[in-house]
Amino acid sequence: MTTRNALVIHVLAEDAGVLTVALRVARNAVHDLDPDAMVQVVVQGGAVRGLIAGGACRDDLVATIYSAGVQVLACQNSMSREGVDDGSLLDGVSTVAAAVGYLARQQWAGAAYVRM
């Protein structure tokens, strides 16, 4: 549940390339919003494949998580469907059981929502 200003960016795509755009948008949001704002990227669908440690999005993920302080969350339902296990995710990527439930709870708590 959110306790401060929050922005949730929802990546719902089969193409992991959409993740690169969402990560850039998240980094831009960190620089443009209130310094205390929380920015999260919730990844659902086939795009969860882009969250693996050795994937093509690795450098963008590292810059987003460690330099910009954005929380990146993977949907476990999508991970199961795509054959992605927790151990293959890049360090710093967390999981949520179901993106739909997580997103609903965040919006009910007052988070702003953007879908990519």
C-alpha atoms as a PDB file:
ATOM      1  CA  MET A   1       0.000   0.000   0.000  1.00  0.00           C
ATOM      2  CA  THR A   2       1.269   3.447  -0.837  1.00  0.00           C
ATOM      3  CA  THR A   3       2.007   5.932   1.945  1.00  0.00           C
ATOM      4  CA  ARG A   4       3.358   8.812  -0.146  1.00  0.00           C
ATOM      5  CA  ASN A   5       2.926  10.216  -3.648  1.00  0.00           C
ATOM      6  CA  ALA A   6       3.316   7.277  -5.978  1.00  0.00           C
ATOM      7  CA  LEU A   7       3.414   6.592  -9.701  1.00  0.00           C
ATOM      8  CA  VAL A   8       2.860   3.074 -10.985  1.00  0.00           C
ATOM      9  CA  ILE A   9       3.917   2.407 -14.581  1.00  0.00           C
ATOM     10  CA  HIS A  10       2.241  -0.736 -15.941  1.00  0.00           C
ATOM     11  CA  VAL A  11       4.045  -2.622 -18.696  1.00  0.00           C
ATOM     12  CA  LEU A  12       1.545  -5.004 -20.292  1.00  0.00           C
ATOM     13  CA  ALA A  13       3.190  -6.343 -23.418  1.00  0.00           C
ATOM     14  CA  GLU A  14       4.384  -9.530 -25.035  1.00  0.00           C
ATOM     15  CA  ASP A  15       7.442  -7.751 -26.473  1.00  0.00           C
ATOM     16  CA  ALA A  16      10.212  -7.242 -23.921  1.00  0.00           C
ATOM     17  CA  GLY A  17      11.333  -4.217 -25.980  1.00  0.00           C
ATOM     18  CA  VAL A  18       8.451  -2.203 -24.511  1.00  0.00           C
ATOM     19  CA  LEU A  19      10.224  -2.579 -21.176  1.00  0.00           C
ATOM     20  CA  THR A  20      13.102  -0.378 -22.373  1.00  0.00           C
ATOM     21  CA  VAL A  21      10.702   2.490 -23.062  1.00  0.00           C
ATOM     22  CA  ALA A  22       8.969   2.068 -19.699  1.00  0.00           C
ATOM     23  CA  LEU A  23      12.293   2.081 -17.832  1.00  0.00           C
ATOM     24  CA  ARG A  24      13.297   5.317 -19.574  1.00  0.00           C
ATOM     25  CA  VAL A  25       9.927   6.866 -18.713  1.00  0.00           C
ATOM     26  CA  ALA A  26      10.378   5.799 -15.075  1.00  0.00           C
ATOM     27  CA  ARG A  27      13.832   7.399 -14.867  1.00  0.00           C
ATOM     28  CA  ASN A  28      12.446  10.605 -16.390  1.00  0.00           C
ATOM     29  CA  ALA A  29       9.601  10.583 -13.865  1.00  0.00           C
ATOM     30  CA  VAL A  30      12.049  10.311 -10.957  1.00  0.00           C
ATOM     31  CA  HIS A  31      13.792  13.467 -12.167  1.00  0.00           C
ATOM     32  CA  ASP A  32      10.573  15.383 -12.825  1.00  0.00           C
ATOM     33  CA  LEU A  33       8.432  14.481  -9.804  1.00  0.00           C
ATOM     34  CA  ASP A  34       8.729  15.389  -6.149  1.00  0.00           C
ATOM     35  CA  PRO A  35      11.943  13.859  -4.741  1.00  0.00           C
ATOM     36  CA  ASP A  36       9.885  11.913  -2.207  1.00  0.00           C
ATOM     37  CA  ALA A  37       7.636  10.338  -4.838  1.00  0.00           C
ATOM     38  CA  MET A  38       7.769   6.570  -5.245  1.00  0.00           C
ATOM     39  CA  VAL A  39       8.031   5.290  -8.825  1.00  0.00           C
ATOM     40  CA  GLN A  40       7.338   1.647  -9.653  1.00  0.00           C
ATOM     41  CA  VAL A  41       7.339  -0.334 -12.895  1.00  0.00           C
ATOM     42  CA  VAL A  42       5.034  -3.370 -12.812  1.00  0.00           C
ATOM     43  CA  VAL A  43       5.768  -5.817 -15.641  1.00  0.00           C
ATOM     44  CA  GLN A  44       3.114  -8.211 -16.916  1.00  0.00           C
ATOM     45  CA  GLY A  45       2.871 -10.534 -19.904  1.00  0.00           C
ATOM     46  CA  GLY A  46       5.760 -11.709 -22.062  1.00  0.00           C
ATOM     47  CA  ALA A  47       7.735  -8.587 -21.179  1.00  0.00           C
ATOM     48  CA  VAL A  48       8.769 -10.362 -17.947  1.00  0.00           C
ATOM     49  CA  ARG A  49      11.373 -12.135 -20.103  1.00  0.00           C
ATOM     50  CA  GLY A  50      13.200  -8.793 -20.247  1.00  0.00           C
ATOM     51  CA  LEU A  51      13.793  -8.908 -16.478  1.00  0.00           C
ATOM     52  CA  ILE A  52      16.249 -11.810 -16.494  1.00  0.00           C
ATOM     53  CA  ALA A  53      19.782 -11.176 -15.280  1.00  0.00           C
ATOM     54  CA  GLY A  54      21.485 -11.760 -18.625  1.00  0.00           C
ATOM     55  CA  GLY A  55      18.839 -10.168 -20.818  1.00  0.00           C
ATOM     56  CA  ALA A  56      19.023  -7.343 -23.318  1.00  0.00           C
ATOM     57  CA  CYS A  57      17.434  -4.900 -20.832  1.00  0.00           C
ATOM     58  CA  ARG A  58      20.086  -5.508 -18.157  1.00  0.00           C
ATOM     59  CA  ASP A  59      21.853  -2.138 -18.438  1.00  0.00           C
ATOM     60  CA  ASP A  60      18.554  -0.215 -18.463  1.00  0.00           C
ATOM     61  CA  LEU A  61      17.355  -2.212 -15.458  1.00  0.00           C
ATOM     62  CA  VAL A  62      20.541  -1.529 -13.488  1.00  0.00           C
ATOM     63  CA  ALA A  63      20.341   2.211 -14.260  1.00  0.00           C
ATOM     64  CA  THR A  64      16.670   2.301 -13.321  1.00  0.00           C
ATOM     65  CA  ILE A  65      16.829   0.269 -10.109  1.00  0.00           C
ATOM     66  CA  TYR A  66      20.179   1.298  -8.669  1.00  0.00           C
ATOM     67  CA  SER A  67      20.769   4.809 -10.031  1.00  0.00           C
ATOM     68  CA  ALA A  68      17.215   6.152 -10.210  1.00  0.00           C
ATOM     69  CA  GLY A  69      15.732   4.228  -7.267  1.00  0.00           C
ATOM     70  CA  VAL A  70      12.746   2.856  -9.175  1.00  0.00           C
ATOM     71  CA  GLN A  71      11.104  -0.328  -7.904  1.00  0.00           C
ATOM     72  CA  VAL A  72      10.699  -2.927 -10.658  1.00  0.00           C
ATOM     73  CA  LEU A  73       8.116  -5.638  -9.996  1.00  0.00           C
ATOM     74  CA  ALA A  74       7.386  -8.764 -12.041  1.00  0.00           C
ATOM     75  CA  CYS A  75       4.010 -10.496 -12.138  1.00  0.00           C
ATOM     76  CA  GLN A  76       4.447 -14.082 -10.912  1.00  0.00           C
ATOM     77  CA  ASN A  77       1.486 -15.268 -12.983  1.00  0.00           C
ATOM     78  CA  SER A  78       3.195 -13.973 -16.123  1.00  0.00           C
ATOM     79  CA  MET A  79       6.521 -15.422 -15.016  1.00  0.00           C
ATOM     80  CA  SER A  80       4.937 -18.873 -14.655  1.00  0.00           C
ATOM     81  CA  ARG A  81       3.339 -18.605 -18.087  1.00  0.00           C
ATOM     82  CA  GLU A  82       6.657 -17.531 -19.662  1.00  0.00           C
ATOM     83  CA  GLY A  83       8.819 -20.070 -17.810  1.00  0.00           C
ATOM     84  CA  VAL A  84      10.769 -17.372 -15.913  1.00  0.00           C
ATOM     85  CA  ASP A  85      11.741 -18.369 -12.373  1.00  0.00           C
ATOM     86  CA  ASP A  86      12.627 -16.084  -9.477  1.00  0.00           C
ATOM     87  CA  GLY A  87      16.275 -17.136  -9.595  1.00  0.00           C
ATOM     88  CA  SER A  88      16.726 -15.886 -13.146  1.00  0.00           C
ATOM     89  CA  LEU A  89      15.558 -12.328 -12.389  1.00  0.00           C
ATOM     90  CA  LEU A  90      18.126  -9.551 -12.175  1.00  0.00           C
ATOM     91  CA  ASP A  91      19.012  -8.733  -8.565  1.00  0.00           C
ATOM     92  CA  GLY A  92      16.812  -5.891  -7.412  1.00  0.00           C
ATOM     93  CA  VAL A  93      13.701  -7.028  -9.329  1.00  0.00           C
ATOM     94  CA  SER A  94      10.909  -8.028  -6.951  1.00  0.00           C
ATOM     95  CA  THR A  95       7.717  -9.954  -7.651  1.00  0.00           C
ATOM     96  CA  VAL A  96       3.999  -9.597  -7.022  1.00  0.00           C
ATOM     97  CA  ALA A  97       1.594 -12.533  -7.112  1.00  0.00           C
ATOM     98  CA  ALA A  98      -0.734 -10.975  -9.676  1.00  0.00           C
ATOM     99  CA  ALA A  99      -0.196  -7.644 -11.419  1.00  0.00           C
ATOM    100  CA  VAL A 100      -3.914  -6.941 -11.657  1.00  0.00           C
ATOM    101  CA  GLY A 101      -4.477  -7.211  -7.907  1.00  0.00           C
ATOM    102  CA  TYR A 102      -1.346  -5.253  -7.055  1.00  0.00           C
ATOM    103  CA  LEU A 103      -2.225  -2.454  -9.465  1.00  0.00           C
ATOM    104  CA  ALA A 104      -5.777  -2.220  -8.139  1.00  0.00           C
ATOM    105  CA  ARG A 105      -4.567  -1.959  -4.540  1.00  0.00           C
ATOM    106  CA  GLN A 106      -2.035   0.739  -5.457  1.00  0.00           C
ATOM    107  CA  GLN A 107      -4.676   2.791  -7.276  1.00  0.00           C
ATOM    108  CA  TRP A 108      -7.150   2.408  -4.417  1.00  0.00           C
ATOM    109  CA  ALA A 109      -4.400   3.741  -2.130  1.00  0.00           C
ATOM    110  CA  GLY A 110      -4.005   6.822  -4.328  1.00  0.00           C
ATOM    111  CA  ALA A 111      -1.166   5.984  -6.758  1.00  0.00           C
ATOM    112  CA  ALA A 112      -1.146   7.593 -10.195  1.00  0.00           C
ATOM    113  CA  TYR A 113      -1.305   4.989 -12.997  1.00  0.00           C
ATOM    114  CA  VAL A 114       0.324   5.004 -16.447  1.00  0.00           C
ATOM    115  CA  ARG A 115       0.087   2.076 -18.865  1.00  0.00           C
ATOM    116  CA  MET A 116       2.819   1.470 -21.432  1.00  0.00           C
END
